[in-house]
């Protein structure tokens, strides 16, 4: 199934504020647009470093730009399309902070990127 990336504008806005990451985020978006997923594990065939988060959160963590940035998305596999909702985006260090507070399962923090 094709993927519908919800809040793509948030990703683009974040990349604009981190100019060195623009091409990496553009590549990430292109990979998602060209992907075909039938189940969550299929994300790993597109992105080898993807991590499906636990606690029945239906969340996935993507590494972008050589692991400099992280994106957390909530996913929903519909009948004909996969919805990928961006719920958090930040640097690797910011992600480490989120994880130290065990918030990666509930994070909804866009800061000033929306």
PDB file of N, CA and C in Angstrom:
ATOM      1  N   UNK A   1       0.839  -1.182   0.000  1.00  0.00           N
ATOM      2  CA  UNK A   1       0.000   0.000   0.000  1.00  0.00           C
ATOM      3  C   UNK A   1       0.885   1.246   0.000  1.00  0.00           C
ATOM      4  N   UNK A   2       0.411   2.272  -0.636  1.00  0.00           N
ATOM      5  CA  UNK A   2       1.105   3.550  -0.640  1.00  0.00           C
ATOM      6  C   UNK A   2       0.989   4.206   0.740  1.00  0.00           C
ATOM      7  N   UNK A   3       1.889   5.143   1.001  1.00  0.00           N
ATOM      8  CA  UNK A   3       1.943   5.807   2.300  1.00  0.00           C
ATOM      9  C   UNK A   3       1.524   7.266   2.155  1.00  0.00           C
ATOM     10  N   UNK A   4       0.689   7.711   3.071  1.00  0.00           N
ATOM     11  CA  UNK A   4       0.283   9.110   3.152  1.00  0.00           C
ATOM     12  C   UNK A   4       1.001   9.712   4.360  1.00  0.00           C
ATOM     13  N   UNK A   5       1.987  10.568   4.110  1.00  0.00           N
ATOM     14  CA  UNK A   5       2.738  11.211   5.188  1.00  0.00           C
ATOM     15  C   UNK A   5       1.983  12.438   5.662  1.00  0.00           C
ATOM     16  N   UNK A   6       1.427  12.359   6.855  1.00  0.00           N
ATOM     17  CA  UNK A   6       0.656  13.453   7.441  1.00  0.00           C
ATOM     18  C   UNK A   6       1.615  14.354   8.215  1.00  0.00           C
ATOM     19  N   UNK A   7       1.489  15.645   8.026  1.00  0.00           N
ATOM     20  CA  UNK A   7       2.350  16.669   8.625  1.00  0.00           C
ATOM     21  C   UNK A   7       3.704  16.764   7.920  1.00  0.00           C
ATOM     22  N   UNK A   8       3.705  16.488   6.623  1.00  0.00           N
ATOM     23  CA  UNK A   8       4.936  16.630   5.839  1.00  0.00           C
ATOM     24  C   UNK A   8       5.483  18.048   5.958  1.00  0.00           C
ATOM     25  N   UNK A   9       4.575  19.033   6.047  1.00  0.00           N
ATOM     26  CA  UNK A   9       5.020  20.428   6.181  1.00  0.00           C
ATOM     27  C   UNK A   9       5.849  20.638   7.448  1.00  0.00           C
ATOM     28  N   UNK A  10       5.570  19.873   8.488  1.00  0.00           N
ATOM     29  CA  UNK A  10       6.352  19.960   9.723  1.00  0.00           C
ATOM     30  C   UNK A  10       7.782  19.503   9.478  1.00  0.00           C
ATOM     31  N   UNK A  11       7.933  18.433   8.726  1.00  0.00           N
ATOM     32  CA  UNK A  11       9.263  17.922   8.396  1.00  0.00           C
ATOM     33  C   UNK A  11      10.024  18.952   7.569  1.00  0.00           C
ATOM     34  N   UNK A  12       9.363  19.520   6.580  1.00  0.00           N
ATOM     35  CA  UNK A  12      10.015  20.515   5.720  1.00  0.00           C
ATOM     36  C   UNK A  12      10.393  21.770   6.507  1.00  0.00           C
ATOM     37  N   UNK A  13       9.537  22.179   7.407  1.00  0.00           N
ATOM     38  CA  UNK A  13       9.829  23.346   8.242  1.00  0.00           C
ATOM     39  C   UNK A  13      11.029  23.086   9.147  1.00  0.00           C
ATOM     40  N   UNK A  14      11.072  21.901   9.744  1.00  0.00           N
ATOM     41  CA  UNK A  14      12.207  21.522  10.588  1.00  0.00           C
ATOM     42  C   UNK A  14      13.493  21.532   9.766  1.00  0.00           C
ATOM     43  N   UNK A  15      13.446  20.955   8.583  1.00  0.00           N
ATOM     44  CA  UNK A  15      14.639  20.884   7.728  1.00  0.00           C
ATOM     45  C   UNK A  15      15.122  22.284   7.355  1.00  0.00           C
ATOM     46  N   UNK A  16      14.215  23.192   7.107  1.00  0.00           N
ATOM     47  CA  UNK A  16      14.606  24.567   6.775  1.00  0.00           C
ATOM     48  C   UNK A  16      15.378  25.214   7.927  1.00  0.00           C
ATOM     49  N   UNK A  17      15.007  24.877   9.147  1.00  0.00           N
ATOM     50  CA  UNK A  17      15.691  25.443  10.315  1.00  0.00           C
ATOM     51  C   UNK A  17      17.008  24.734  10.613  1.00  0.00           C
ATOM     52  N   UNK A  18      17.226  23.593   9.969  1.00  0.00           N
ATOM     53  CA  UNK A  18      18.466  22.828  10.096  1.00  0.00           C
ATOM     54  C   UNK A  18      18.981  22.582   8.677  1.00  0.00           C
ATOM     55  N   UNK A  19      19.489  23.636   8.075  1.00  0.00           N
ATOM     56  CA  UNK A  19      19.799  23.667   6.641  1.00  0.00           C
ATOM     57  C   UNK A  19      20.643  22.489   6.161  1.00  0.00           C
ATOM     58  N   UNK A  20      21.555  22.021   6.972  1.00  0.00           N
ATOM     59  CA  UNK A  20      22.418  20.910   6.555  1.00  0.00           C
ATOM     60  C   UNK A  20      21.620  19.619   6.363  1.00  0.00           C
ATOM     61  N   UNK A  21      20.394  19.573   6.891  1.00  0.00           N
ATOM     62  CA  UNK A  21      19.598  18.345   6.824  1.00  0.00           C
ATOM     63  C   UNK A  21      18.612  18.323   5.662  1.00  0.00           C
ATOM     64  N   UNK A  22      18.503  19.405   4.918  1.00  0.00           N
ATOM     65  CA  UNK A  22      17.451  19.502   3.895  1.00  0.00           C
ATOM     66  C   UNK A  22      17.482  18.332   2.918  1.00  0.00           C
ATOM     67  N   UNK A  23      18.627  18.030   2.337  1.00  0.00           N
ATOM     68  CA  UNK A  23      18.662  16.951   1.344  1.00  0.00           C
ATOM     69  C   UNK A  23      18.348  15.594   1.972  1.00  0.00           C
ATOM     70  N   UNK A  24      18.781  15.388   3.213  1.00  0.00           N
ATOM     71  CA  UNK A  24      18.484  14.117   3.893  1.00  0.00           C
ATOM     72  C   UNK A  24      16.993  13.957   4.134  1.00  0.00           C
ATOM     73  N   UNK A  25      16.329  15.036   4.554  1.00  0.00           N
ATOM     74  CA  UNK A  25      14.893  14.947   4.782  1.00  0.00           C
ATOM     75  C   UNK A  25      14.133  14.814   3.466  1.00  0.00           C
ATOM     76  N   UNK A  26      14.616  15.471   2.406  1.00  0.00           N
ATOM     77  CA  UNK A  26      13.987  15.314   1.088  1.00  0.00           C
ATOM     78  C   UNK A  26      14.087  13.855   0.637  1.00  0.00           C
ATOM     79  N   UNK A  27      15.250  13.248   0.839  1.00  0.00           N
ATOM     80  CA  UNK A  27      15.427  11.836   0.491  1.00  0.00           C
ATOM     81  C   UNK A  27      14.500  10.951   1.313  1.00  0.00           C
ATOM     82  N   UNK A  28      14.369  11.247   2.604  1.00  0.00           N
ATOM     83  CA  UNK A  28      13.496  10.479   3.492  1.00  0.00           C
ATOM     84  C   UNK A  28      12.046  10.551   3.000  1.00  0.00           C
ATOM     85  N   UNK A  29      11.603  11.761   2.659  1.00  0.00           N
ATOM     86  CA  UNK A  29      10.236  11.943   2.148  1.00  0.00           C
ATOM     87  C   UNK A  29      10.053  11.185   0.839  1.00  0.00           C
ATOM     88  N   UNK A  30      11.034  11.261  -0.059  1.00  0.00           N
ATOM     89  CA  UNK A  30      10.946  10.537  -1.331  1.00  0.00           C
ATOM     90  C   UNK A  30      10.858   9.023  -1.119  1.00  0.00           C
ATOM     91  N   UNK A  31      11.652   8.505  -0.190  1.00  0.00           N
ATOM     92  CA  UNK A  31      11.606   7.068   0.107  1.00  0.00           C
ATOM     93  C   UNK A  31      10.208   6.655   0.576  1.00  0.00           C
ATOM     94  N   UNK A  32       9.612   7.485   1.417  1.00  0.00           N
ATOM     95  CA  UNK A  32       8.260   7.189   1.913  1.00  0.00           C
ATOM     96  C   UNK A  32       7.256   7.224   0.761  1.00  0.00           C
ATOM     97  N   UNK A  33       7.364   8.225  -0.087  1.00  0.00           N
ATOM     98  CA  UNK A  33       6.433   8.337  -1.227  1.00  0.00           C
ATOM     99  C   UNK A  33       6.512   7.130  -2.160  1.00  0.00           C
ATOM    100  N   UNK A  34       7.696   6.556  -2.288  1.00  0.00           N
ATOM    101  CA  UNK A  34       7.893   5.438  -3.214  1.00  0.00           C
ATOM    102  C   UNK A  34       7.729   4.069  -2.555  1.00  0.00           C
ATOM    103  N   UNK A  35       7.522   4.046  -1.271  1.00  0.00           N
ATOM    104  CA  UNK A  35       7.431   2.779  -0.543  1.00  0.00           C
ATOM    105  C   UNK A  35       6.072   2.113  -0.745  1.00  0.00           C
ATOM    106  N   UNK A  36       6.074   0.828  -0.523  1.00  0.00           N
ATOM    107  CA  UNK A  36       4.855   0.004  -0.529  1.00  0.00           C
ATOM    108  C   UNK A  36       4.923  -0.879   0.711  1.00  0.00           C
ATOM    109  N   UNK A  37       4.031  -0.644   1.656  1.00  0.00           N
ATOM    110  CA  UNK A  37       4.027  -1.415   2.894  1.00  0.00           C
ATOM    111  C   UNK A  37       2.679  -2.100   3.067  1.00  0.00           C
ATOM    112  N   UNK A  38       2.719  -3.336   3.506  1.00  0.00           N
ATOM    113  CA  UNK A  38       1.499  -4.089   3.809  1.00  0.00           C
ATOM    114  C   UNK A  38       1.347  -4.336   5.307  1.00  0.00           C
ATOM    115  N   UNK A  39       2.476  -4.257   6.024  1.00  0.00           N
ATOM    116  CA  UNK A  39       2.474  -4.483   7.476  1.00  0.00           C
ATOM    117  C   UNK A  39       3.634  -3.683   8.070  1.00  0.00           C
ATOM    118  N   UNK A  40       3.606  -3.405   9.366  1.00  0.00           N
ATOM    119  CA  UNK A  40       4.646  -2.576   9.981  1.00  0.00           C
ATOM    120  C   UNK A  40       6.078  -3.046   9.707  1.00  0.00           C
ATOM    121  N   UNK A  41       6.325  -4.334   9.707  1.00  0.00           N
ATOM    122  CA  UNK A  41       7.687  -4.821   9.464  1.00  0.00           C
ATOM    123  C   UNK A  41       8.212  -4.441   8.081  1.00  0.00           C
ATOM    124  N   UNK A  42       7.315  -4.120   7.146  1.00  0.00           N
ATOM    125  CA  UNK A  42       7.751  -3.719   5.805  1.00  0.00           C
ATOM    126  C   UNK A  42       8.520  -2.397   5.830  1.00  0.00           C
ATOM    127  N   UNK A  43       8.324  -1.608   6.871  1.00  0.00           N
ATOM    128  CA  UNK A  43       9.067  -0.347   6.987  1.00  0.00           C
ATOM    129  C   UNK A  43      10.568  -0.620   7.018  1.00  0.00           C
ATOM    130  N   UNK A  44      10.934  -1.762   7.574  1.00  0.00           N
ATOM    131  CA  UNK A  44      12.351  -2.125   7.683  1.00  0.00           C
ATOM    132  C   UNK A  44      12.974  -2.412   6.326  1.00  0.00           C
ATOM    133  N   UNK A  45      12.170  -2.782   5.349  1.00  0.00           N
ATOM    134  CA  UNK A  45      12.709  -3.012   4.013  1.00  0.00           C
ATOM    135  C   UNK A  45      13.020  -1.690   3.308  1.00  0.00           C
ATOM    136  N   UNK A  46      12.362  -0.627   3.726  1.00  0.00           N
ATOM    137  CA  UNK A  46      12.630   0.698   3.156  1.00  0.00           C
ATOM    138  C   UNK A  46      13.726   1.409   3.927  1.00  0.00           C
ATOM    139  N   UNK A  47      13.677   1.293   5.254  1.00  0.00           N
ATOM    140  CA  UNK A  47      14.645   1.963   6.128  1.00  0.00           C
ATOM    141  C   UNK A  47      15.231   0.917   7.076  1.00  0.00           C
ATOM    142  N   UNK A  48      16.449   0.520   6.845  1.00  0.00           N
ATOM    143  CA  UNK A  48      17.047  -0.557   7.649  1.00  0.00           C
ATOM    144  C   UNK A  48      17.206  -0.190   9.119  1.00  0.00           C
ATOM    145  N   UNK A  49      17.302   1.107   9.439  1.00  0.00           N
ATOM    146  CA  UNK A  49      17.514   1.505  10.829  1.00  0.00           C
ATOM    147  C   UNK A  49      16.224   1.854  11.565  1.00  0.00           C
ATOM    148  N   UNK A  50      15.081   1.646  10.918  1.00  0.00           N
ATOM    149  CA  UNK A  50      13.811   1.978  11.563  1.00  0.00           C
ATOM    150  C   UNK A  50      13.617   1.113  12.802  1.00  0.00           C
ATOM    151  N   UNK A  51      12.952   1.686  13.799  1.00  0.00           N
ATOM    152  CA  UNK A  51      12.658   0.921  15.008  1.00  0.00           C
ATOM    153  C   UNK A  51      11.181   1.067  15.331  1.00  0.00           C
ATOM    154  N   UNK A  52      10.494  -0.069  15.393  1.00  0.00           N
ATOM    155  CA  UNK A  52       9.100  -0.060  15.822  1.00  0.00           C
ATOM    156  C   UNK A  52       9.093   0.051  17.335  1.00  0.00           C
ATOM    157  N   UNK A  53       8.399   1.053  17.848  1.00  0.00           N
ATOM    158  CA  UNK A  53       8.374   1.274  19.293  1.00  0.00           C
ATOM    159  C   UNK A  53       7.320   0.387  19.936  1.00  0.00           C
ATOM    160  N   UNK A  54       7.551   0.016  21.163  1.00  0.00           N
ATOM    161  CA  UNK A  54       6.691  -0.929  21.866  1.00  0.00           C
ATOM    162  C   UNK A  54       5.507  -0.304  22.567  1.00  0.00           C
ATOM    163  N   UNK A  55       5.052  -1.008  23.592  1.00  0.00           N
ATOM    164  CA  UNK A  55       3.915  -0.599  24.424  1.00  0.00           C
ATOM    165  C   UNK A  55       2.646  -0.388  23.607  1.00  0.00           C
ATOM    166  N   UNK A  56       2.483  -1.180  22.534  1.00  0.00           N
ATOM    167  CA  UNK A  56       1.300  -1.082  21.662  1.00  0.00           C
ATOM    168  C   UNK A  56       1.035   0.362  21.227  1.00  0.00           C
ATOM    169  N   UNK A  57       2.119   1.105  20.980  1.00  0.00           N
ATOM    170  CA  UNK A  57       1.987   2.525  20.668  1.00  0.00           C
ATOM    171  C   UNK A  57       1.730   2.800  19.191  1.00  0.00           C
ATOM    172  N   UNK A  58       1.919   1.788  18.313  1.00  0.00           N
ATOM    173  CA  UNK A  58       1.812   2.000  16.864  1.00  0.00           C
ATOM    174  C   UNK A  58       2.682   3.173  16.428  1.00  0.00           C
ATOM    175  N   UNK A  59       3.874   3.235  17.000  1.00  0.00           N
ATOM    176  CA  UNK A  59       4.823   4.293  16.674  1.00  0.00           C
ATOM    177  C   UNK A  59       6.097   3.689  16.133  1.00  0.00           C
ATOM    178  N   UNK A  60       6.753   4.484  15.308  1.00  0.00           N
ATOM    179  CA  UNK A  60       7.993   4.059  14.686  1.00  0.00           C
ATOM    180  C   UNK A  60       8.985   5.220  14.760  1.00  0.00           C
ATOM    181  N   UNK A  61      10.257   4.881  14.939  1.00  0.00           N
ATOM    182  CA  UNK A  61      11.308   5.891  14.997  1.00  0.00           C
ATOM    183  C   UNK A  61      12.191   5.748  13.771  1.00  0.00           C
ATOM    184  N   UNK A  62      12.376   6.869  13.070  1.00  0.00           N
ATOM    185  CA  UNK A  62      13.239   6.906  11.906  1.00  0.00           C
ATOM    186  C   UNK A  62      14.502   7.696  12.231  1.00  0.00           C
ATOM    187  N   UNK A  63      15.644   7.219  11.746  1.00  0.00           N
ATOM    188  CA  UNK A  63      16.896   7.961  11.811  1.00  0.00           C
ATOM    189  C   UNK A  63      17.065   8.665  10.476  1.00  0.00           C
ATOM    190  N   UNK A  64      17.417   9.945  10.523  1.00  0.00           N
ATOM    191  CA  UNK A  64      17.582  10.730   9.299  1.00  0.00           C
ATOM    192  C   UNK A  64      18.936  11.414   9.336  1.00  0.00           C
ATOM    193  N   UNK A  65      19.543  11.534   8.193  1.00  0.00           N
ATOM    194  CA  UNK A  65      20.827  12.238   8.032  1.00  0.00           C
ATOM    195  C   UNK A  65      21.927  11.592   8.860  1.00  0.00           C
ATOM    196  N   UNK A  66      22.127  10.306   8.615  1.00  0.00           N
ATOM    197  CA  UNK A  66      23.196   9.602   9.319  1.00  0.00           C
ATOM    198  C   UNK A  66      22.992   9.548  10.816  1.00  0.00           C
ATOM    199  N   UNK A  67      21.732   9.490  11.249  1.00  0.00           N
ATOM    200  CA  UNK A  67      21.386   9.390  12.668  1.00  0.00           C
ATOM    201  C   UNK A  67      21.522  10.713  13.411  1.00  0.00           C
ATOM    202  N   UNK A  68      21.669  11.834  12.690  1.00  0.00           N
ATOM    203  CA  UNK A  68      21.733  13.146  13.348  1.00  0.00           C
ATOM    204  C   UNK A  68      20.370  13.599  13.836  1.00  0.00           C
ATOM    205  N   UNK A  69      19.314  13.145  13.152  1.00  0.00           N
ATOM    206  CA  UNK A  69      17.954  13.566  13.478  1.00  0.00           C
ATOM    207  C   UNK A  69      17.064  12.344  13.631  1.00  0.00           C
ATOM    208  N   UNK A  70      16.015  12.519  14.402  1.00  0.00           N
ATOM    209  CA  UNK A  70      15.055  11.444  14.639  1.00  0.00           C
ATOM    210  C   UNK A  70      13.648  11.964  14.359  1.00  0.00           C
ATOM    211  N   UNK A  71      12.831  11.087  13.827  1.00  0.00           N
ATOM    212  CA  UNK A  71      11.426  11.392  13.588  1.00  0.00           C
ATOM    213  C   UNK A  71      10.612  10.243  14.177  1.00  0.00           C
ATOM    214  N   UNK A  72       9.637  10.589  15.014  1.00  0.00           N
ATOM    215  CA  UNK A  72       8.702   9.598  15.536  1.00  0.00           C
ATOM    216  C   UNK A  72       7.382   9.795  14.810  1.00  0.00           C
ATOM    217  N   UNK A  73       6.859   8.705  14.291  1.00  0.00           N
ATOM    218  CA  UNK A  73       5.569   8.741  13.609  1.00  0.00           C
ATOM    219  C   UNK A  73       4.645   7.696  14.213  1.00  0.00           C
ATOM    220  N   UNK A  74       3.379   8.036  14.232  1.00  0.00           N
ATOM    221  CA  UNK A  74       2.346   7.061  14.558  1.00  0.00           C
ATOM    222  C   UNK A  74       1.862   6.526  13.218  1.00  0.00           C
ATOM    223  N   UNK A  75       1.594   5.239  13.143  1.00  0.00           N
ATOM    224  CA  UNK A  75       1.161   4.656  11.872  1.00  0.00           C
ATOM    225  C   UNK A  75      -0.181   3.967  12.023  1.00  0.00           C
ATOM    226  N   UNK A  76      -0.904   3.963  10.909  1.00  0.00           N
ATOM    227  CA  UNK A  76      -2.194   3.294  10.827  1.00  0.00           C
ATOM    228  C   UNK A  76      -2.291   2.648   9.448  1.00  0.00           C
ATOM    229  N   UNK A  77      -2.427   1.337   9.430  1.00  0.00           N
ATOM    230  CA  UNK A  77      -2.586   0.613   8.181  1.00  0.00           C
ATOM    231  C   UNK A  77      -4.069   0.505   7.884  1.00  0.00           C
ATOM    232  N   UNK A  78      -4.498   1.246   6.856  1.00  0.00           N
ATOM    233  CA  UNK A  78      -5.894   1.207   6.444  1.00  0.00           C
ATOM    234  C   UNK A  78      -6.116   0.107   5.428  1.00  0.00           C
ATOM    235  N   UNK A  79      -7.272   0.136   4.778  1.00  0.00           N
ATOM    236  CA  UNK A  79      -7.591  -0.873   3.781  1.00  0.00           C
ATOM    237  C   UNK A  79      -6.767  -0.697   2.501  1.00  0.00           C
ATOM    238  N   UNK A  80      -6.509   0.570   2.127  1.00  0.00           N
ATOM    239  CA  UNK A  80      -5.836   0.851   0.856  1.00  0.00           C
ATOM    240  C   UNK A  80      -4.625   1.765   0.978  1.00  0.00           C
ATOM    241  N   UNK A  81      -4.381   2.290   2.145  1.00  0.00           N
ATOM    242  CA  UNK A  81      -3.296   3.251   2.330  1.00  0.00           C
ATOM    243  C   UNK A  81      -2.760   3.151   3.756  1.00  0.00           C
ATOM    244  N   UNK A  82      -1.487   3.482   3.908  1.00  0.00           N
ATOM    245  CA  UNK A  82      -0.872   3.565   5.227  1.00  0.00           C
ATOM    246  C   UNK A  82      -0.771   5.035   5.587  1.00  0.00           C
ATOM    247  N   UNK A  83      -1.281   5.397   6.756  1.00  0.00           N
ATOM    248  CA  UNK A  83      -1.158   6.762   7.236  1.00  0.00           C
ATOM    249  C   UNK A  83       0.023   6.818   8.196  1.00  0.00           C
ATOM    250  N   UNK A  84       0.937   7.735   7.935  1.00  0.00           N
ATOM    251  CA  UNK A  84       2.118   7.927   8.763  1.00  0.00           C
ATOM    252  C   UNK A  84       2.046   9.351   9.297  1.00  0.00           C
ATOM    253  N   UNK A  85       1.724   9.488  10.596  1.00  0.00           N
ATOM    254  CA  UNK A  85       1.527  10.789  11.231  1.00  0.00           C
ATOM    255  C   UNK A  85       2.803  11.200  11.951  1.00  0.00           C
ATOM    256  N   UNK A  86       3.419  12.286  11.542  1.00  0.00           N
ATOM    257  CA  UNK A  86       4.596  12.794  12.248  1.00  0.00           C
ATOM    258  C   UNK A  86       4.117  13.347  13.586  1.00  0.00           C
ATOM    259  N   UNK A  87       4.652  12.800  14.692  1.00  0.00           N
ATOM    260  CA  UNK A  87       4.252  13.278  16.016  1.00  0.00           C
ATOM    261  C   UNK A  87       5.397  13.946  16.774  1.00  0.00           C
ATOM    262  N   UNK A  88       6.635  13.712  16.313  1.00  0.00           N
ATOM    263  CA  UNK A  88       7.784  14.337  16.973  1.00  0.00           C
ATOM    264  C   UNK A  88       8.938  14.363  15.992  1.00  0.00           C
ATOM    265  N   UNK A  89       9.722  15.445  16.055  1.00  0.00           N
ATOM    266  CA  UNK A  89      10.913  15.547  15.216  1.00  0.00           C
ATOM    267  C   UNK A  89      11.960  16.344  15.982  1.00  0.00           C
ATOM    268  N   UNK A  90      13.205  15.895  15.922  1.00  0.00           N
ATOM    269  CA  UNK A  90      14.260  16.601  16.640  1.00  0.00           C
ATOM    270  C   UNK A  90      15.629  16.012  16.362  1.00  0.00           C
ATOM    271  N   UNK A  91      16.603  16.520  17.078  1.00  0.00           N
ATOM    272  CA  UNK A  91      17.966  16.022  16.936  1.00  0.00           C
ATOM    273  C   UNK A  91      18.118  14.721  17.705  1.00  0.00           C
ATOM    274  N   UNK A  92      19.223  14.041  17.446  1.00  0.00           N
ATOM    275  CA  UNK A  92      19.517  12.808  18.172  1.00  0.00           C
ATOM    276  C   UNK A  92      19.574  13.095  19.673  1.00  0.00           C
ATOM    277  N   UNK A  93      20.226  14.189  20.055  1.00  0.00           N
ATOM    278  CA  UNK A  93      20.341  14.546  21.483  1.00  0.00           C
ATOM    279  C   UNK A  93      18.966  14.812  22.094  1.00  0.00           C
ATOM    280  N   UNK A  94      18.095  15.488  21.367  1.00  0.00           N
ATOM    281  CA  UNK A  94      16.742  15.750  21.875  1.00  0.00           C
ATOM    282  C   UNK A  94      15.968  14.442  22.026  1.00  0.00           C
ATOM    283  N   UNK A  95      16.163  13.522  21.097  1.00  0.00           N
ATOM    284  CA  UNK A  95      15.505  12.219  21.193  1.00  0.00           C
ATOM    285  C   UNK A  95      16.005  11.453  22.416  1.00  0.00           C
ATOM    286  N   UNK A  96      17.289  11.510  22.660  1.00  0.00           N
ATOM    287  CA  UNK A  96      17.852  10.846  23.844  1.00  0.00           C
ATOM    288  C   UNK A  96      17.196  11.387  25.108  1.00  0.00           C
ATOM    289  N   UNK A  97      16.964  12.698  25.148  1.00  0.00           N
ATOM    290  CA  UNK A  97      16.293  13.314  26.294  1.00  0.00           C
ATOM    291  C   UNK A  97      14.857  12.810  26.425  1.00  0.00           C
ATOM    292  N   UNK A  98      14.150  12.726  25.308  1.00  0.00           N
ATOM    293  CA  UNK A  98      12.774  12.205  25.311  1.00  0.00           C
ATOM    294  C   UNK A  98      12.759  10.780  25.856  1.00  0.00           C
ATOM    295  N   UNK A  99      13.726   9.974  25.418  1.00  0.00           N
ATOM    296  CA  UNK A  99      13.788   8.576  25.860  1.00  0.00           C
ATOM    297  C   UNK A  99      14.141   8.472  27.338  1.00  0.00           C
ATOM    298  N   UNK A 100      14.983   9.358  27.828  1.00  0.00           N
ATOM    299  CA  UNK A 100      15.361   9.305  29.245  1.00  0.00           C
ATOM    300  C   UNK A 100      14.155   9.561  30.138  1.00  0.00           C
ATOM    301  N   UNK A 101      13.144  10.232  29.592  1.00  0.00           N
ATOM    302  CA  UNK A 101      11.910  10.497  30.334  1.00  0.00           C
ATOM    303  C   UNK A 101      10.817   9.489  29.986  1.00  0.00           C
ATOM    304  N   UNK A 102      11.169   8.482  29.134  1.00  0.00           N
ATOM    305  CA  UNK A 102      10.234   7.460  28.685  1.00  0.00           C
ATOM    306  C   UNK A 102       9.033   8.076  27.959  1.00  0.00           C
ATOM    307  N   UNK A 103       9.280   9.162  27.194  1.00  0.00           N
ATOM    308  CA  UNK A 103       8.206   9.865  26.500  1.00  0.00           C
ATOM    309  C   UNK A 103       8.106   9.525  25.017  1.00  0.00           C
ATOM    310  N   UNK A 104       8.949   8.626  24.527  1.00  0.00           N
ATOM    311  CA  UNK A 104       8.917   8.319  23.101  1.00  0.00           C
ATOM    312  C   UNK A 104       7.601   7.662  22.673  1.00  0.00           C
ATOM    313  N   UNK A 105       6.863   7.138  23.627  1.00  0.00           N
ATOM    314  CA  UNK A 105       5.584   6.489  23.322  1.00  0.00           C
ATOM    315  C   UNK A 105       4.418   7.464  23.318  1.00  0.00           C
ATOM    316  N   UNK A 106       4.657   8.656  23.845  1.00  0.00           N
ATOM    317  CA  UNK A 106       3.581   9.648  23.948  1.00  0.00           C
ATOM    318  C   UNK A 106       3.975  11.002  23.397  1.00  0.00           C
ATOM    319  N   UNK A 107       5.201  11.141  22.907  1.00  0.00           N
ATOM    320  CA  UNK A 107       5.711  12.439  22.449  1.00  0.00           C
ATOM    321  C   UNK A 107       4.806  13.045  21.367  1.00  0.00           C
ATOM    322  N   UNK A 108       4.501  14.294  21.517  1.00  0.00           N
ATOM    323  CA  UNK A 108       3.716  15.064  20.536  1.00  0.00           C
ATOM    324  C   UNK A 108       4.307  16.463  20.506  1.00  0.00           C
ATOM    325  N   UNK A 109       5.617  16.578  20.373  1.00  0.00           N
ATOM    326  CA  UNK A 109       6.319  17.841  20.534  1.00  0.00           C
ATOM    327  C   UNK A 109       6.913  18.304  19.210  1.00  0.00           C
ATOM    328  N   UNK A 110       6.354  19.383  18.660  1.00  0.00           N
ATOM    329  CA  UNK A 110       6.890  19.926  17.427  1.00  0.00           C
ATOM    330  C   UNK A 110       7.686  21.199  17.662  1.00  0.00           C
ATOM    331  N   UNK A 111       7.719  21.677  18.886  1.00  0.00           N
ATOM    332  CA  UNK A 111       8.371  22.954  19.189  1.00  0.00           C
ATOM    333  C   UNK A 111       7.811  24.018  18.260  1.00  0.00           C
ATOM    334  N   UNK A 112       8.684  24.710  17.580  1.00  0.00           N
ATOM    335  CA  UNK A 112       8.220  25.789  16.707  1.00  0.00           C
ATOM    336  C   UNK A 112       8.259  25.398  15.235  1.00  0.00           C
ATOM    337  N   UNK A 113       8.087  24.118  14.949  1.00  0.00           N
ATOM    338  CA  UNK A 113       8.196  23.652  13.563  1.00  0.00           C
ATOM    339  C   UNK A 113       6.871  23.504  12.854  1.00  0.00           C
ATOM    340  N   UNK A 114       5.761  23.709  13.536  1.00  0.00           N
ATOM    341  CA  UNK A 114       4.480  23.517  12.861  1.00  0.00           C
ATOM    342  C   UNK A 114       4.096  24.763  12.083  1.00  0.00           C
TER     343      UNK A 114
END
